């Protein structure tokens, strides 16, 4: 399949939550991957490459609005298209 569309450049900070100011809908049309300290993570909700952190859900814990609580993991962050 010939895809004539070019993929947009991945931003320094990106969130999967549509209510976040760091959510960019055009990027989620493509499959993206996140590596933290050399290991690919599949549960990342938000990342920041320059500050070196990712946010992942903390198991079954929810806040008062029903959104999952986030844990911040620090390390070397790489974002890429699959």
N, C-alpha and C. Protein backbone atom coordinates (compact mmCIF):
# COMPACT_ATOMS: atom_id res chain seq x y z
N UNK A 1 0.84 -1.17 0.00
CA UNK A 1 0.00 0.00 0.00
C UNK A 1 0.89 1.24 0.00
N UNK A 2 0.68 2.11 -0.94
CA UNK A 2 1.45 3.35 -1.02
C UNK A 2 0.79 4.44 -0.21
N UNK A 3 1.48 4.90 0.81
CA UNK A 3 0.95 5.96 1.64
C UNK A 3 1.65 7.25 1.25
N UNK A 4 0.93 8.15 0.58
CA UNK A 4 1.55 9.38 0.12
C UNK A 4 1.59 10.43 1.22
N UNK A 5 0.85 10.19 2.30
CA UNK A 5 0.84 11.13 3.42
C UNK A 5 2.10 10.95 4.25
N UNK A 6 2.72 12.05 4.63
CA UNK A 6 3.88 11.94 5.50
C UNK A 6 3.41 11.99 6.95
N UNK A 7 4.11 11.29 7.79
CA UNK A 7 3.75 11.24 9.20
C UNK A 7 4.22 12.52 9.88
N UNK A 8 3.36 13.10 10.74
CA UNK A 8 3.78 14.32 11.44
C UNK A 8 4.91 14.01 12.43
N UNK A 9 5.73 14.99 12.68
CA UNK A 9 6.83 14.81 13.62
C UNK A 9 6.28 14.64 15.03
N UNK A 10 6.84 13.70 15.78
CA UNK A 10 6.38 13.46 17.14
C UNK A 10 6.80 14.61 18.05
N UNK A 11 5.88 15.13 18.85
CA UNK A 11 6.21 16.25 19.72
C UNK A 11 7.03 15.82 20.93
N UNK A 12 7.59 16.80 21.62
CA UNK A 12 8.37 16.53 22.82
C UNK A 12 7.48 15.98 23.94
N UNK A 13 6.25 16.44 23.99
CA UNK A 13 5.31 15.99 25.03
C UNK A 13 3.99 15.65 24.37
N UNK A 14 3.43 14.48 24.70
CA UNK A 14 2.20 14.02 24.09
C UNK A 14 1.36 13.29 25.12
N UNK A 15 0.05 13.49 25.07
CA UNK A 15 -0.87 12.84 25.99
C UNK A 15 -1.94 12.10 25.20
N UNK A 16 -2.37 10.97 25.72
CA UNK A 16 -3.44 10.20 25.11
C UNK A 16 -4.81 10.64 25.56
N UNK A 17 -4.88 11.49 26.57
CA UNK A 17 -6.15 11.97 27.10
C UNK A 17 -6.64 13.15 26.26
N UNK A 18 -7.82 13.04 25.63
CA UNK A 18 -8.30 14.13 24.77
C UNK A 18 -8.56 15.44 25.51
N UNK A 19 -8.72 15.41 26.82
CA UNK A 19 -8.95 16.64 27.59
C UNK A 19 -7.66 17.38 27.91
N UNK A 20 -6.52 16.77 27.65
CA UNK A 20 -5.23 17.38 27.95
C UNK A 20 -4.84 18.40 26.88
N UNK A 21 -4.16 19.48 27.26
CA UNK A 21 -3.67 20.43 26.25
C UNK A 21 -2.54 19.85 25.39
N UNK A 22 -1.97 18.72 25.79
CA UNK A 22 -0.87 18.10 25.05
C UNK A 22 -1.34 16.97 24.14
N UNK A 23 -2.64 16.87 23.92
CA UNK A 23 -3.22 15.85 23.05
C UNK A 23 -3.23 16.36 21.62
N UNK A 24 -2.65 15.60 20.69
CA UNK A 24 -2.62 15.97 19.27
C UNK A 24 -3.29 14.84 18.50
N UNK A 25 -4.50 15.08 18.02
CA UNK A 25 -5.31 14.03 17.40
C UNK A 25 -4.66 13.44 16.14
N UNK A 26 -3.99 14.27 15.33
CA UNK A 26 -3.41 13.80 14.07
C UNK A 26 -2.37 12.70 14.27
N UNK A 27 -1.67 12.73 15.38
CA UNK A 27 -0.61 11.75 15.63
C UNK A 27 -1.20 10.37 15.94
N UNK A 28 -2.39 10.34 16.54
CA UNK A 28 -2.98 9.06 16.92
C UNK A 28 -3.63 8.34 15.75
N UNK A 29 -3.55 8.89 14.55
CA UNK A 29 -3.98 8.16 13.36
C UNK A 29 -2.94 7.10 12.98
N UNK A 30 -1.75 7.19 13.52
CA UNK A 30 -0.66 6.26 13.26
C UNK A 30 -0.34 5.48 14.53
N UNK A 31 0.28 4.32 14.36
CA UNK A 31 0.73 3.56 15.53
C UNK A 31 2.05 4.14 16.00
N UNK A 32 2.11 4.51 17.28
CA UNK A 32 3.36 5.02 17.84
C UNK A 32 3.79 4.10 18.98
N UNK A 33 5.07 4.10 19.24
CA UNK A 33 5.63 3.31 20.33
C UNK A 33 6.45 4.19 21.24
N UNK A 34 6.57 3.76 22.50
CA UNK A 34 7.34 4.49 23.49
C UNK A 34 8.33 3.51 24.13
N UNK A 35 9.59 3.92 24.18
CA UNK A 35 10.61 3.15 24.89
C UNK A 35 11.05 3.93 26.11
N UNK A 36 11.09 3.25 27.25
CA UNK A 36 11.60 3.84 28.48
C UNK A 36 12.78 2.99 28.92
N UNK A 37 13.95 3.59 28.98
CA UNK A 37 15.20 2.91 29.34
C UNK A 37 15.45 1.68 28.47
N UNK A 38 15.15 1.79 27.17
CA UNK A 38 15.42 0.73 26.22
C UNK A 38 14.36 -0.35 26.12
N UNK A 39 13.32 -0.31 26.94
CA UNK A 39 12.25 -1.32 26.89
C UNK A 39 10.97 -0.66 26.39
N UNK A 40 10.32 -1.32 25.45
CA UNK A 40 9.08 -0.76 24.91
C UNK A 40 7.95 -0.91 25.92
N UNK A 41 7.21 0.18 26.13
CA UNK A 41 6.07 0.19 27.05
C UNK A 41 4.79 0.31 26.23
N UNK A 42 3.77 -0.44 26.63
CA UNK A 42 2.50 -0.43 25.92
C UNK A 42 1.39 0.25 26.70
N UNK A 43 1.68 0.72 27.93
CA UNK A 43 0.65 1.29 28.79
C UNK A 43 0.86 2.78 29.07
N UNK A 44 1.59 3.46 28.22
CA UNK A 44 1.92 4.88 28.46
C UNK A 44 0.74 5.77 28.09
N UNK A 45 0.34 6.65 29.00
CA UNK A 45 -0.73 7.61 28.75
C UNK A 45 -0.18 8.97 28.34
N UNK A 46 0.99 9.33 28.83
CA UNK A 46 1.59 10.63 28.53
C UNK A 46 3.10 10.49 28.64
N UNK A 47 3.83 11.26 27.82
CA UNK A 47 5.29 11.23 27.91
C UNK A 47 5.86 12.61 27.68
N UNK A 48 7.09 12.81 28.15
CA UNK A 48 7.86 14.02 27.88
C UNK A 48 9.31 13.59 27.66
N UNK A 49 9.80 13.80 26.46
CA UNK A 49 11.16 13.36 26.11
C UNK A 49 12.21 14.23 26.79
N UNK A 50 12.05 15.55 26.75
CA UNK A 50 13.08 16.44 27.29
C UNK A 50 13.23 16.32 28.80
N UNK A 51 12.12 16.08 29.51
CA UNK A 51 12.19 15.94 30.97
C UNK A 51 12.43 14.50 31.40
N UNK A 52 12.29 13.54 30.49
CA UNK A 52 12.62 12.15 30.77
C UNK A 52 11.63 11.42 31.67
N UNK A 53 10.33 11.51 31.37
CA UNK A 53 9.35 10.79 32.17
C UNK A 53 8.19 10.31 31.30
N UNK A 54 7.52 9.27 31.79
CA UNK A 54 6.27 8.79 31.21
C UNK A 54 5.27 8.62 32.33
N UNK A 55 3.99 8.72 32.00
CA UNK A 55 2.93 8.48 32.99
C UNK A 55 2.16 7.24 32.57
N UNK A 56 2.01 6.32 33.52
CA UNK A 56 1.29 5.07 33.28
C UNK A 56 0.19 4.93 34.32
N UNK A 57 -0.90 4.23 33.99
CA UNK A 57 -1.97 4.03 34.98
C UNK A 57 -1.49 3.19 36.15
N UNK A 58 -1.98 3.52 37.35
CA UNK A 58 -1.61 2.78 38.57
C UNK A 58 -2.66 1.70 38.84
N UNK A 59 -2.61 0.63 38.09
CA UNK A 59 -3.50 -0.54 38.24
C UNK A 59 -4.97 -0.15 38.23
N UNK A 60 -5.72 -0.53 39.24
CA UNK A 60 -7.17 -0.32 39.24
C UNK A 60 -7.60 0.96 39.94
N UNK A 61 -6.68 1.74 40.46
CA UNK A 61 -7.02 2.93 41.23
C UNK A 61 -7.60 4.02 40.32
N UNK A 62 -8.70 4.62 40.77
CA UNK A 62 -9.35 5.69 40.02
C UNK A 62 -9.47 6.93 40.89
N UNK A 63 -9.47 8.10 40.24
CA UNK A 63 -9.70 9.33 40.99
C UNK A 63 -11.20 9.56 41.12
N UNK A 64 -11.59 10.67 41.70
CA UNK A 64 -13.01 10.92 41.97
C UNK A 64 -13.82 11.16 40.70
N UNK A 65 -13.17 11.43 39.59
CA UNK A 65 -13.87 11.62 38.32
C UNK A 65 -13.91 10.35 37.48
N UNK A 66 -13.36 9.26 38.02
CA UNK A 66 -13.36 7.98 37.30
C UNK A 66 -12.19 7.79 36.37
N UNK A 67 -11.23 8.71 36.38
CA UNK A 67 -10.03 8.60 35.55
C UNK A 67 -8.98 7.80 36.32
N UNK A 68 -8.16 7.00 35.62
CA UNK A 68 -7.13 6.24 36.33
C UNK A 68 -6.07 7.14 36.94
N UNK A 69 -5.59 6.77 38.13
CA UNK A 69 -4.49 7.49 38.76
C UNK A 69 -3.22 7.16 37.99
N UNK A 70 -2.35 8.15 37.85
CA UNK A 70 -1.13 7.99 37.07
C UNK A 70 0.10 7.92 37.96
N UNK A 71 1.02 7.03 37.58
CA UNK A 71 2.34 6.96 38.19
C UNK A 71 3.33 7.54 37.21
N UNK A 72 4.31 8.26 37.70
CA UNK A 72 5.35 8.83 36.85
C UNK A 72 6.61 7.98 36.96
N UNK A 73 7.08 7.51 35.81
CA UNK A 73 8.33 6.74 35.75
C UNK A 73 9.36 7.58 35.02
N UNK A 74 10.58 7.63 35.55
CA UNK A 74 11.62 8.48 34.97
C UNK A 74 12.70 7.64 34.31
N UNK A 75 13.31 8.20 33.29
CA UNK A 75 14.38 7.52 32.57
C UNK A 75 14.54 8.13 31.19
N UNK A 76 15.21 7.40 30.31
CA UNK A 76 15.42 7.84 28.93
C UNK A 76 14.19 7.46 28.11
N UNK A 77 13.55 8.46 27.52
CA UNK A 77 12.31 8.24 26.78
C UNK A 77 12.57 8.41 25.29
N UNK A 78 12.09 7.46 24.48
CA UNK A 78 12.17 7.54 23.03
C UNK A 78 10.78 7.29 22.47
N UNK A 79 10.34 8.12 21.54
CA UNK A 79 9.06 7.94 20.86
C UNK A 79 9.36 7.63 19.39
N UNK A 80 8.58 6.72 18.80
CA UNK A 80 8.82 6.32 17.41
C UNK A 80 7.52 5.84 16.79
N UNK A 81 7.50 5.86 15.45
CA UNK A 81 6.38 5.29 14.70
C UNK A 81 6.66 3.82 14.46
N UNK A 82 5.62 3.00 14.60
CA UNK A 82 5.78 1.55 14.35
C UNK A 82 5.63 1.26 12.89
